[in-house]
Amino acid sequence: MAIRRPPPILIILIFLVFAQIATSADEQPVPAQWPDQFHALLFMNYSGDLSMIDLWYDWPNGRNFNIIQEQLGGITYDLEWNNGTSFLYSLDDSKSCRSAQLEVGILRPNWLDGAEYLGQQHVNGFHCNVWEKVDFIWYYEDVQTKRPVQWIFYTGREAHVMTFEVGAVLEDEKWQAPVYCFNNKEKKSLSTEGAFREFRGYKEKAVL
């Protein structure tokens, strides 16, 4: 009995299906680079320890600023420069300030390059792509807008992005650390302090 061969159109359809599957596997989404300049308002939660952060990122000028409002507490200013200089200070009567010289500067816009794609999740009402970066951070980005929705550090600290203004720039005069930061000659490590202490630890492990 003669063997019936499948019609050519069926063979073509099967080939196209498998080609599409292979292409989809090779074209996994990648996280969008951070804009060169932006302002974000972040709601932070660390095991119930809550705070709000005004994050000003300014890559062209080599600077990053976190203004941290603790819940029912004071305001701390966490200022970083791309030459590795960092200041952690207050503007109240205590005039407290600590500085450090780190080996690396602020995060580069492409710091998420090489992150492992984990798939998609619904987070805080948003449909997100999710990546993991070297067992250090889990990053959630809105599928449609490519804006960050949240990220979670390995410590469990969560950053929920409330606003994200691309191109927003803080006035130059507000980037100046107070004079008493330069009167204190002692420099202390800030690797475990500040708004994004986990980022500091990450930068110490890998040059981004």
N, C-alpha and C. Protein backbone atom coordinates (compact mmCIF):
# COMPACT_ATOMS: atom_id res chain seq x y z
N MET A 1 0.85 -1.19 0.00
CA MET A 1 0.00 0.00 0.00
C MET A 1 0.89 1.24 0.00
N ALA A 2 0.57 2.18 -0.83
CA ALA A 2 1.37 3.39 -0.96
C ALA A 2 1.25 4.26 0.29
N ILE A 3 2.37 4.87 0.70
CA ILE A 3 2.39 5.77 1.86
C ILE A 3 1.95 7.15 1.41
N ARG A 4 0.94 7.66 2.11
CA ARG A 4 0.43 8.99 1.76
C ARG A 4 1.32 10.06 2.39
N ARG A 5 1.81 10.93 1.57
CA ARG A 5 2.64 12.03 2.06
C ARG A 5 1.76 13.22 2.44
N PRO A 6 2.13 13.95 3.50
CA PRO A 6 1.35 15.13 3.87
C PRO A 6 1.43 16.18 2.77
N PRO A 7 0.37 16.91 2.57
CA PRO A 7 0.40 17.94 1.53
C PRO A 7 1.49 18.96 1.81
N PRO A 8 2.07 19.53 0.75
CA PRO A 8 3.17 20.51 0.93
C PRO A 8 2.79 21.67 1.84
N ILE A 9 1.54 22.12 1.78
CA ILE A 9 1.14 23.27 2.60
C ILE A 9 1.23 22.93 4.09
N LEU A 10 0.95 21.67 4.46
CA LEU A 10 1.04 21.26 5.86
C LEU A 10 2.49 21.26 6.33
N ILE A 11 3.39 20.78 5.45
CA ILE A 11 4.82 20.78 5.78
C ILE A 11 5.31 22.21 6.01
N ILE A 12 4.86 23.12 5.17
CA ILE A 12 5.27 24.52 5.31
C ILE A 12 4.77 25.10 6.62
N LEU A 13 3.53 24.81 6.99
CA LEU A 13 2.96 25.34 8.23
C LEU A 13 3.71 24.81 9.45
N ILE A 14 4.04 23.51 9.43
CA ILE A 14 4.79 22.93 10.55
C ILE A 14 6.15 23.59 10.67
N PHE A 15 6.81 23.81 9.54
CA PHE A 15 8.12 24.46 9.54
C PHE A 15 8.02 25.87 10.12
N LEU A 16 6.98 26.61 9.73
CA LEU A 16 6.83 27.98 10.21
C LEU A 16 6.58 28.03 11.71
N VAL A 17 5.80 27.07 12.22
CA VAL A 17 5.52 27.02 13.66
C VAL A 17 6.80 26.79 14.45
N PHE A 18 7.60 25.81 14.04
CA PHE A 18 8.85 25.52 14.74
C PHE A 18 9.85 26.67 14.61
N ALA A 19 9.86 27.34 13.46
CA ALA A 19 10.75 28.49 13.28
C ALA A 19 10.36 29.62 14.21
N GLN A 20 9.04 29.82 14.38
CA GLN A 20 8.58 30.88 15.26
C GLN A 20 8.95 30.58 16.70
N ILE A 21 8.82 29.31 17.13
CA ILE A 21 9.19 28.92 18.49
C ILE A 21 10.68 29.16 18.73
N ALA A 22 11.50 28.78 17.76
CA ALA A 22 12.95 28.96 17.91
C ALA A 22 13.31 30.44 17.97
N THR A 23 12.64 31.25 17.12
CA THR A 23 12.92 32.69 17.12
C THR A 23 12.52 33.32 18.43
N SER A 24 11.36 32.90 18.98
CA SER A 24 10.89 33.46 20.25
C SER A 24 11.85 33.14 21.38
N ALA A 25 12.40 31.93 21.35
CA ALA A 25 13.34 31.54 22.40
C ALA A 25 14.63 32.34 22.33
N ASP A 26 15.04 32.71 21.09
CA ASP A 26 16.28 33.46 20.91
C ASP A 26 16.10 34.94 21.20
N GLU A 27 14.86 35.45 21.10
CA GLU A 27 14.61 36.87 21.24
C GLU A 27 13.92 37.19 22.55
N GLN A 28 14.51 36.77 23.65
CA GLN A 28 13.97 37.12 24.94
C GLN A 28 14.11 38.61 25.18
N PRO A 29 13.16 39.22 25.86
CA PRO A 29 13.25 40.67 26.09
C PRO A 29 14.44 41.02 26.96
N VAL A 30 14.97 42.20 26.76
CA VAL A 30 16.07 42.70 27.58
C VAL A 30 15.59 43.98 28.26
N PRO A 31 16.08 44.27 29.46
CA PRO A 31 15.62 45.47 30.17
C PRO A 31 16.09 46.74 29.47
N ALA A 32 15.23 47.74 29.50
CA ALA A 32 15.61 49.04 28.91
C ALA A 32 16.72 49.67 29.73
N GLN A 33 17.64 50.33 29.05
CA GLN A 33 18.66 51.09 29.75
C GLN A 33 17.99 52.22 30.54
N TRP A 34 18.61 52.59 31.66
CA TRP A 34 18.13 53.77 32.35
C TRP A 34 18.34 55.00 31.49
N PRO A 35 17.38 55.93 31.49
CA PRO A 35 17.62 57.20 30.79
C PRO A 35 18.85 57.90 31.37
N ASP A 36 19.50 58.71 30.57
CA ASP A 36 20.68 59.42 31.06
C ASP A 36 20.35 60.33 32.24
N GLN A 37 19.14 60.86 32.24
CA GLN A 37 18.71 61.73 33.34
C GLN A 37 17.24 61.42 33.65
N PHE A 38 16.94 61.25 34.92
CA PHE A 38 15.55 61.06 35.33
C PHE A 38 15.38 61.36 36.81
N HIS A 39 14.12 61.53 37.20
CA HIS A 39 13.74 61.71 38.59
C HIS A 39 12.68 60.67 38.91
N ALA A 40 12.86 59.94 39.99
CA ALA A 40 11.89 58.93 40.40
C ALA A 40 11.57 59.11 41.88
N LEU A 41 10.31 58.88 42.21
CA LEU A 41 9.88 58.85 43.60
C LEU A 41 9.66 57.39 43.96
N LEU A 42 10.38 56.93 44.99
CA LEU A 42 10.37 55.51 45.35
C LEU A 42 9.80 55.33 46.75
N PHE A 43 8.92 54.35 46.87
CA PHE A 43 8.43 53.93 48.17
C PHE A 43 9.22 52.69 48.58
N MET A 44 9.94 52.77 49.69
CA MET A 44 10.83 51.70 50.13
C MET A 44 10.22 50.93 51.30
N ASN A 45 10.35 49.63 51.25
CA ASN A 45 9.86 48.77 52.34
C ASN A 45 10.93 47.72 52.64
N TYR A 46 11.37 47.74 53.88
CA TYR A 46 12.38 46.76 54.31
C TYR A 46 11.89 46.13 55.60
N SER A 47 11.13 45.04 55.46
CA SER A 47 10.57 44.33 56.61
C SER A 47 9.76 45.27 57.50
N GLY A 48 8.98 46.14 56.87
CA GLY A 48 8.14 47.07 57.61
C GLY A 48 8.79 48.40 57.92
N ASP A 49 10.07 48.55 57.66
CA ASP A 49 10.77 49.82 57.82
C ASP A 49 10.54 50.63 56.54
N LEU A 50 9.72 51.68 56.63
CA LEU A 50 9.26 52.38 55.44
C LEU A 50 9.96 53.72 55.27
N SER A 51 10.14 54.11 54.01
CA SER A 51 10.71 55.42 53.69
C SER A 51 10.32 55.80 52.27
N MET A 52 10.46 57.10 51.98
CA MET A 52 10.28 57.60 50.62
C MET A 52 11.60 58.19 50.15
N ILE A 53 11.91 57.96 48.89
CA ILE A 53 13.17 58.45 48.34
C ILE A 53 12.91 59.24 47.06
N ASP A 54 13.44 60.47 47.03
CA ASP A 54 13.55 61.23 45.78
C ASP A 54 14.87 60.84 45.15
N LEU A 55 14.80 60.14 44.03
CA LEU A 55 16.00 59.71 43.33
C LEU A 55 16.22 60.59 42.10
N TRP A 56 17.37 61.25 42.08
CA TRP A 56 17.78 62.06 40.92
C TRP A 56 19.01 61.41 40.30
N TYR A 57 18.86 60.96 39.06
CA TYR A 57 19.95 60.28 38.35
C TYR A 57 20.40 61.18 37.21
N ASP A 58 21.70 61.46 37.16
CA ASP A 58 22.24 62.40 36.17
C ASP A 58 23.57 61.85 35.64
N TRP A 59 23.48 60.94 34.68
CA TRP A 59 24.68 60.30 34.14
C TRP A 59 25.60 61.27 33.40
N PRO A 60 25.10 62.17 32.54
CA PRO A 60 26.02 63.07 31.81
C PRO A 60 26.90 63.89 32.74
N ASN A 61 26.38 64.25 33.92
CA ASN A 61 27.16 65.03 34.88
C ASN A 61 27.78 64.16 35.96
N GLY A 62 27.66 62.84 35.84
CA GLY A 62 28.34 61.92 36.75
C GLY A 62 27.89 62.03 38.19
N ARG A 63 26.57 62.07 38.44
CA ARG A 63 26.10 62.26 39.81
C ARG A 63 24.77 61.57 40.03
N ASN A 64 24.54 61.17 41.27
CA ASN A 64 23.32 60.47 41.67
C ASN A 64 22.95 60.95 43.08
N PHE A 65 21.68 61.27 43.29
CA PHE A 65 21.26 61.87 44.55
C PHE A 65 20.02 61.16 45.06
N ASN A 66 20.09 60.69 46.32
CA ASN A 66 18.94 60.09 46.98
C ASN A 66 18.58 60.93 48.20
N ILE A 67 17.39 61.50 48.19
CA ILE A 67 16.90 62.29 49.33
C ILE A 67 15.88 61.42 50.06
N ILE A 68 16.23 61.00 51.27
CA ILE A 68 15.51 59.93 51.96
C ILE A 68 14.68 60.50 53.10
N GLN A 69 13.37 60.31 53.02
CA GLN A 69 12.47 60.70 54.11
C GLN A 69 12.04 59.43 54.86
N GLU A 70 12.54 59.29 56.08
CA GLU A 70 12.13 58.16 56.90
C GLU A 70 10.71 58.39 57.42
N GLN A 71 9.98 57.30 57.64
CA GLN A 71 8.62 57.43 58.13
C GLN A 71 8.62 58.10 59.51
N LEU A 72 7.92 59.25 59.61
CA LEU A 72 7.83 60.02 60.86
C LEU A 72 9.22 60.33 61.42
N GLY A 73 10.17 60.51 60.54
CA GLY A 73 11.55 60.77 60.97
C GLY A 73 12.17 61.89 60.18
N GLY A 74 13.49 61.93 60.19
CA GLY A 74 14.21 63.00 59.53
C GLY A 74 14.50 62.71 58.07
N ILE A 75 15.24 63.63 57.46
CA ILE A 75 15.62 63.52 56.06
C ILE A 75 17.13 63.34 55.98
N THR A 76 17.55 62.36 55.22
CA THR A 76 18.97 62.11 54.98
C THR A 76 19.28 62.30 53.51
N TYR A 77 20.44 62.90 53.22
CA TYR A 77 20.85 63.19 51.85
C TYR A 77 22.03 62.29 51.50
N ASP A 78 21.85 61.51 50.44
CA ASP A 78 22.86 60.53 50.01
C ASP A 78 23.32 60.92 48.61
N LEU A 79 24.48 61.53 48.55
CA LEU A 79 24.99 62.13 47.30
C LEU A 79 26.20 61.35 46.81
N GLU A 80 26.17 60.92 45.54
CA GLU A 80 27.25 60.13 44.96
C GLU A 80 27.73 60.78 43.66
N TRP A 81 29.05 60.70 43.45
CA TRP A 81 29.66 61.23 42.23
C TRP A 81 30.39 60.10 41.50
N ASN A 82 30.58 60.30 40.21
CA ASN A 82 31.16 59.24 39.40
C ASN A 82 32.64 59.03 39.66
N ASN A 83 33.28 59.93 40.40
CA ASN A 83 34.69 59.73 40.76
C ASN A 83 34.83 58.88 42.02
N GLY A 84 33.69 58.37 42.53
CA GLY A 84 33.71 57.51 43.72
C GLY A 84 33.46 58.24 45.02
N THR A 85 33.40 59.57 44.99
CA THR A 85 33.15 60.35 46.20
C THR A 85 31.68 60.24 46.59
N SER A 86 31.43 59.99 47.88
CA SER A 86 30.06 59.90 48.39
C SER A 86 29.94 60.69 49.68
N PHE A 87 28.77 61.33 49.86
CA PHE A 87 28.46 62.05 51.09
C PHE A 87 27.11 61.58 51.60
N LEU A 88 27.03 61.37 52.90
CA LEU A 88 25.79 61.03 53.57
C LEU A 88 25.61 62.04 54.69
N TYR A 89 24.62 62.93 54.56
CA TYR A 89 24.54 64.05 55.49
C TYR A 89 23.10 64.45 55.77
N SER A 90 22.95 65.31 56.78
CA SER A 90 21.66 65.92 57.11
C SER A 90 21.81 67.43 57.01
N LEU A 91 20.69 68.12 56.92
CA LEU A 91 20.70 69.58 56.86
C LEU A 91 20.07 70.19 58.11
N ASP A 92 19.89 69.38 59.16
CA ASP A 92 19.31 69.90 60.40
C ASP A 92 20.40 70.44 61.32
N ASP A 93 20.04 70.73 62.54
CA ASP A 93 20.98 71.36 63.47
C ASP A 93 22.15 70.45 63.84
N SER A 94 21.99 69.14 63.63
CA SER A 94 23.08 68.22 63.99
C SER A 94 24.29 68.38 63.08
N LYS A 95 24.06 68.88 61.87
CA LYS A 95 25.12 69.07 60.88
C LYS A 95 26.01 67.83 60.76
N SER A 96 25.37 66.69 60.69
CA SER A 96 26.11 65.43 60.57
C SER A 96 26.46 65.17 59.12
N CYS A 97 27.63 64.60 58.90
CA CYS A 97 28.07 64.27 57.54
C CYS A 97 29.15 63.22 57.61
N ARG A 98 29.03 62.24 56.75
CA ARG A 98 30.09 61.25 56.57
C ARG A 98 30.41 61.13 55.09
N SER A 99 31.66 60.95 54.80
CA SER A 99 32.07 60.86 53.40
C SER A 99 32.90 59.61 53.19
N ALA A 100 33.01 59.22 51.93
CA ALA A 100 33.81 58.03 51.59
C ALA A 100 34.32 58.17 50.17
N GLN A 101 35.38 57.47 49.89
CA GLN A 101 35.92 57.39 48.54
C GLN A 101 35.86 55.95 48.10
N LEU A 102 34.92 55.64 47.19
CA LEU A 102 34.73 54.28 46.71
C LEU A 102 35.55 54.05 45.44
N GLU A 103 35.74 52.79 45.10
CA GLU A 103 36.55 52.46 43.92
C GLU A 103 35.79 52.65 42.62
N VAL A 104 34.48 52.67 42.69
CA VAL A 104 33.67 52.83 41.49
C VAL A 104 32.68 53.96 41.70
N GLY A 105 32.15 54.48 40.58
CA GLY A 105 31.22 55.60 40.65
C GLY A 105 29.78 55.15 40.66
N ILE A 106 28.92 55.97 40.07
CA ILE A 106 27.49 55.68 40.08
C ILE A 106 27.17 54.58 39.06
N LEU A 107 25.97 54.04 39.15
CA LEU A 107 25.54 53.02 38.21
C LEU A 107 25.51 53.57 36.79
N ARG A 108 25.96 52.77 35.85
CA ARG A 108 25.88 53.16 34.45
C ARG A 108 24.45 52.94 33.94
N PRO A 109 24.03 53.64 32.88
CA PRO A 109 22.69 53.41 32.34
C PRO A 109 22.45 51.96 31.91
N ASN A 110 23.52 51.25 31.51
CA ASN A 110 23.36 49.87 31.04
C ASN A 110 23.72 48.85 32.11
N TRP A 111 23.58 49.21 33.39
CA TRP A 111 24.02 48.32 34.46
C TRP A 111 23.26 47.00 34.49
N LEU A 112 22.11 46.94 33.81
CA LEU A 112 21.32 45.70 33.77
C LEU A 112 21.72 44.77 32.63
N ASP A 113 22.69 45.16 31.82
CA ASP A 113 23.14 44.28 30.74
C ASP A 113 23.58 42.94 31.31
N GLY A 114 23.17 41.85 30.65
CA GLY A 114 23.56 40.52 31.11
C GLY A 114 22.65 39.92 32.15
N ALA A 115 21.59 40.64 32.54
CA ALA A 115 20.65 40.10 33.52
C ALA A 115 19.91 38.90 32.93
N GLU A 116 19.59 37.94 33.79
CA GLU A 116 18.90 36.73 33.35
C GLU A 116 17.39 36.96 33.33
N TYR A 117 16.78 36.65 32.18
CA TYR A 117 15.34 36.84 32.04
C TYR A 117 14.59 35.70 32.73
N LEU A 118 13.62 36.07 33.58
CA LEU A 118 12.88 35.07 34.37
C LEU A 118 11.45 34.88 33.91
N GLY A 119 10.98 35.70 32.97
CA GLY A 119 9.60 35.56 32.51
C GLY A 119 8.78 36.79 32.88
N GLN A 120 7.46 36.60 32.94
CA GLN A 120 6.56 37.72 33.20
C GLN A 120 5.73 37.48 34.46
N GLN A 121 5.43 38.58 35.16
CA GLN A 121 4.61 38.52 36.36
C GLN A 121 3.72 39.76 36.41
N HIS A 122 2.59 39.63 37.13
CA HIS A 122 1.76 40.79 37.42
C HIS A 122 2.17 41.32 38.79
N VAL A 123 2.61 42.58 38.82
CA VAL A 123 3.13 43.19 40.05
C VAL A 123 2.46 44.55 40.24
N ASN A 124 1.82 44.73 41.38
CA ASN A 124 1.19 46.01 41.72
C ASN A 124 0.26 46.50 40.62
N GLY A 125 -0.41 45.55 39.95
CA GLY A 125 -1.34 45.91 38.89
C GLY A 125 -0.71 46.10 37.53
N PHE A 126 0.59 45.84 37.40
CA PHE A 126 1.29 46.00 36.12
C PHE A 126 1.76 44.65 35.60
N HIS A 127 1.67 44.48 34.29
CA HIS A 127 2.19 43.28 33.63
C HIS A 127 3.67 43.51 33.33
N CYS A 128 4.56 42.77 33.98
CA CYS A 128 5.98 43.08 33.97
C CYS A 128 6.83 41.94 33.42
N ASN A 129 7.91 42.32 32.73
CA ASN A 129 9.02 41.41 32.51
C ASN A 129 9.92 41.46 33.74
N VAL A 130 10.53 40.32 34.06
CA VAL A 130 11.33 40.22 35.28
C VAL A 130 12.71 39.68 34.93
N TRP A 131 13.75 40.32 35.51
CA TRP A 131 15.13 39.86 35.34
C TRP A 131 15.80 39.73 36.70
N GLU A 132 16.81 38.87 36.73
CA GLU A 132 17.65 38.72 37.91
C GLU A 132 19.09 39.06 37.53
N LYS A 133 19.73 39.88 38.35
CA LYS A 133 21.11 40.27 38.07
C LYS A 133 22.02 39.68 39.14
N VAL A 134 22.83 38.72 38.77
CA VAL A 134 23.86 38.07 39.59
C VAL A 134 23.41 37.79 41.02
N ASP A 135 22.20 37.22 41.18
CA ASP A 135 21.69 36.88 42.51
C ASP A 135 21.69 38.07 43.45
N PHE A 136 21.60 39.26 42.88
CA PHE A 136 21.73 40.47 43.69
C PHE A 136 20.45 41.29 43.71
N ILE A 137 19.78 41.35 42.56
CA ILE A 137 18.59 42.19 42.45
C ILE A 137 17.62 41.57 41.45
N TRP A 138 16.33 41.70 41.76
CA TRP A 138 15.26 41.27 40.86
C TRP A 138 14.56 42.53 40.39
N TYR A 139 14.50 42.70 39.07
CA TYR A 139 14.09 43.96 38.45
C TYR A 139 12.82 43.74 37.63
N TYR A 140 11.79 44.57 37.88
CA TYR A 140 10.48 44.41 37.26
C TYR A 140 10.20 45.63 36.38
N GLU A 141 9.90 45.39 35.10
CA GLU A 141 9.71 46.46 34.13
C GLU A 141 8.38 46.26 33.41
N ASP A 142 7.60 47.33 33.30
CA ASP A 142 6.31 47.25 32.62
C ASP A 142 6.50 46.83 31.16
N VAL A 143 5.75 45.84 30.73
CA VAL A 143 5.91 45.29 29.38
C VAL A 143 5.63 46.34 28.32
N GLN A 144 4.61 47.16 28.52
CA GLN A 144 4.20 48.12 27.49
C GLN A 144 5.07 49.36 27.47
N THR A 145 5.28 49.97 28.62
CA THR A 145 5.96 51.27 28.66
C THR A 145 7.47 51.16 28.84
N LYS A 146 7.97 49.99 29.27
CA LYS A 146 9.39 49.77 29.56
C LYS A 146 9.87 50.58 30.77
N ARG A 147 8.95 51.10 31.56
CA ARG A 147 9.33 51.82 32.77
C ARG A 147 9.52 50.84 33.92
N PRO A 148 10.47 51.10 34.81
CA PRO A 148 10.61 50.23 35.98
C PRO A 148 9.40 50.36 36.90
N VAL A 149 8.96 49.23 37.43
CA VAL A 149 7.83 49.20 38.36
C VAL A 149 8.31 48.98 39.78
N GLN A 150 9.24 48.06 39.94
CA GLN A 150 9.84 47.82 41.25
C GLN A 150 11.13 47.04 41.06
N TRP A 151 11.97 47.05 42.11
CA TRP A 151 13.08 46.11 42.18
C TRP A 151 13.23 45.66 43.62
N ILE A 152 13.74 44.46 43.77
CA ILE A 152 13.90 43.85 45.08
C ILE A 152 15.35 43.40 45.22
N PHE A 153 16.00 43.87 46.30
CA PHE A 153 17.38 43.48 46.56
C PHE A 153 17.43 42.11 47.24
N TYR A 154 18.60 41.49 47.21
CA TYR A 154 18.79 40.19 47.84
C TYR A 154 18.52 40.23 49.34
N THR A 155 18.60 41.42 49.94
CA THR A 155 18.33 41.58 51.38
C THR A 155 16.84 41.58 51.69
N GLY A 156 16.00 41.67 50.66
CA GLY A 156 14.57 41.78 50.85
C GLY A 156 14.05 43.20 50.76
N ARG A 157 14.94 44.17 50.67
CA ARG A 157 14.51 45.57 50.55
C ARG A 157 13.80 45.77 49.21
N GLU A 158 12.61 46.36 49.24
CA GLU A 158 11.80 46.57 48.05
C GLU A 158 11.74 48.05 47.70
N ALA A 159 11.90 48.36 46.42
CA ALA A 159 11.73 49.72 45.91
C ALA A 159 10.56 49.71 44.94
N HIS A 160 9.50 50.42 45.28
CA HIS A 160 8.32 50.53 44.42
C HIS A 160 8.34 51.90 43.76
N VAL A 161 8.32 51.91 42.43
CA VAL A 161 8.45 53.16 41.68
C VAL A 161 7.08 53.83 41.59
N MET A 162 6.95 55.00 42.23
CA MET A 162 5.68 55.72 42.26
C MET A 162 5.58 56.69 41.08
N THR A 163 6.67 57.39 40.76
CA THR A 163 6.71 58.27 39.59
C THR A 163 8.06 58.08 38.90
N PHE A 164 8.09 58.35 37.60
CA PHE A 164 9.32 58.18 36.82
C PHE A 164 9.33 59.22 35.72
N GLU A 165 10.11 60.31 35.93
CA GLU A 165 10.14 61.45 35.02
C GLU A 165 11.43 61.43 34.21
N VAL A 166 11.34 61.01 32.97
CA VAL A 166 12.52 60.96 32.10
C VAL A 166 12.92 62.38 31.71
N GLY A 167 14.21 62.69 31.84
CA GLY A 167 14.73 63.99 31.45
C GLY A 167 14.70 65.04 32.54
N ALA A 168 14.10 64.73 33.69
CA ALA A 168 14.06 65.71 34.78
C ALA A 168 15.44 65.88 35.39
N VAL A 169 15.83 67.13 35.69
CA VAL A 169 17.17 67.44 36.19
C VAL A 169 17.05 68.35 37.41
N LEU A 170 17.74 68.02 38.47
CA LEU A 170 17.78 68.85 39.67
C LEU A 170 18.75 70.01 39.46
N GLU A 171 18.38 71.19 40.00
CA GLU A 171 19.22 72.37 39.82
C GLU A 171 20.62 72.13 40.37
N ASP A 172 21.62 72.70 39.69
CA ASP A 172 23.02 72.47 40.04
C ASP A 172 23.34 72.82 41.49
N GLU A 173 22.78 73.91 42.00
CA GLU A 173 23.13 74.35 43.34
C GLU A 173 22.69 73.36 44.42
N LYS A 174 21.72 72.51 44.10
CA LYS A 174 21.24 71.55 45.09
C LYS A 174 22.10 70.29 45.17
N TRP A 175 23.10 70.19 44.30
CA TRP A 175 24.02 69.06 44.32
C TRP A 175 25.24 69.32 45.21
N GLN A 176 25.33 70.47 45.80
CA GLN A 176 26.49 70.82 46.60
C GLN A 176 26.33 70.33 48.03
N ALA A 177 27.26 69.48 48.47
CA ALA A 177 27.26 69.05 49.87
C ALA A 177 27.58 70.25 50.76
N PRO A 178 27.03 70.29 51.99
CA PRO A 178 27.28 71.43 52.88
C PRO A 178 28.75 71.54 53.27
N VAL A 179 29.14 72.75 53.66
CA VAL A 179 30.54 73.02 53.94
C VAL A 179 31.09 72.17 55.06
N TYR A 180 30.24 71.81 56.04
CA TYR A 180 30.76 71.02 57.16
C TYR A 180 31.14 69.60 56.74
N CYS A 181 30.74 69.17 55.55
CA CYS A 181 31.21 67.87 55.07
C CYS A 181 32.70 67.91 54.74
N PHE A 182 33.22 69.10 54.48
CA PHE A 182 34.62 69.23 54.09
C PHE A 182 35.50 69.64 55.27
N ASN A 183 34.87 70.00 56.38
CA ASN A 183 35.63 70.34 57.58
C ASN A 183 36.10 69.09 58.32
N ASN A 184 35.33 68.00 58.16
CA ASN A 184 35.66 66.75 58.83
C ASN A 184 36.62 65.97 57.94
N LYS A 185 37.84 65.80 58.38
CA LYS A 185 38.85 65.13 57.56
C LYS A 185 38.71 63.61 57.58
N GLU A 186 37.96 63.09 58.55
CA GLU A 186 37.85 61.63 58.67
C GLU A 186 36.86 61.11 57.64
N LYS A 187 37.27 60.08 56.91
CA LYS A 187 36.39 59.45 55.94
C LYS A 187 36.03 58.05 56.43
N LYS A 188 34.74 57.76 56.40
CA LYS A 188 34.26 56.47 56.87
C LYS A 188 33.59 55.73 55.73
N SER A 189 33.60 54.43 55.82
CA SER A 189 32.97 53.61 54.79
C SER A 189 31.46 53.78 54.84
N LEU A 190 30.85 53.98 53.68
CA LEU A 190 29.40 54.06 53.58
C LEU A 190 28.83 52.84 52.88
N SER A 191 29.61 51.79 52.78
CA SER A 191 29.19 50.64 51.98
C SER A 191 27.97 49.95 52.54
N THR A 192 27.66 50.14 53.81
CA THR A 192 26.49 49.50 54.40
C THR A 192 25.50 50.54 54.91
N GLU A 193 25.56 51.77 54.38
CA GLU A 193 24.66 52.81 54.83
C GLU A 193 24.09 53.52 53.62
N GLY A 194 23.06 54.33 53.89
CA GLY A 194 22.50 55.15 52.84
C GLY A 194 21.28 54.53 52.21
N ALA A 195 20.75 55.20 51.18
CA ALA A 195 19.49 54.79 50.57
C ALA A 195 19.59 53.45 49.88
N PHE A 196 20.67 53.22 49.14
CA PHE A 196 20.83 51.99 48.39
C PHE A 196 22.13 51.34 48.78
N ARG A 197 22.21 50.96 50.06
CA ARG A 197 23.43 50.31 50.56
C ARG A 197 23.72 49.04 49.78
N GLU A 198 22.65 48.37 49.27
CA GLU A 198 22.87 47.15 48.50
C GLU A 198 23.55 47.45 47.18
N PHE A 199 23.20 48.58 46.55
CA PHE A 199 23.86 48.97 45.30
C PHE A 199 25.34 49.20 45.54
N ARG A 200 25.69 49.79 46.68
CA ARG A 200 27.09 50.00 46.97
C ARG A 200 27.83 48.68 47.06
N GLY A 201 27.21 47.72 47.73
CA GLY A 201 27.82 46.40 47.81
C GLY A 201 27.97 45.76 46.45
N TYR A 202 26.97 45.96 45.58
CA TYR A 202 27.03 45.41 44.23
C TYR A 202 28.17 46.03 43.43
N LYS A 203 28.32 47.34 43.54
CA LYS A 203 29.37 48.03 42.78
C LYS A 203 30.75 47.64 43.27
N GLU A 204 30.85 47.28 44.55
CA GLU A 204 32.13 46.86 45.06
C GLU A 204 32.52 45.47 44.53
N LYS A 205 31.52 44.69 44.15
CA LYS A 205 31.79 43.34 43.65
C LYS A 205 32.02 43.31 42.14
N ALA A 206 31.45 44.25 41.44
CA ALA A 206 31.55 44.23 39.97
C ALA A 206 31.65 45.63 39.44
N VAL A 207 32.55 45.87 38.52
CA VAL A 207 32.67 47.15 37.86
C VAL A 207 31.63 47.19 36.77
N LEU A 208 30.70 48.11 36.88
CA LEU A 208 29.57 48.13 35.98
C LEU A 208 29.85 49.01 34.76
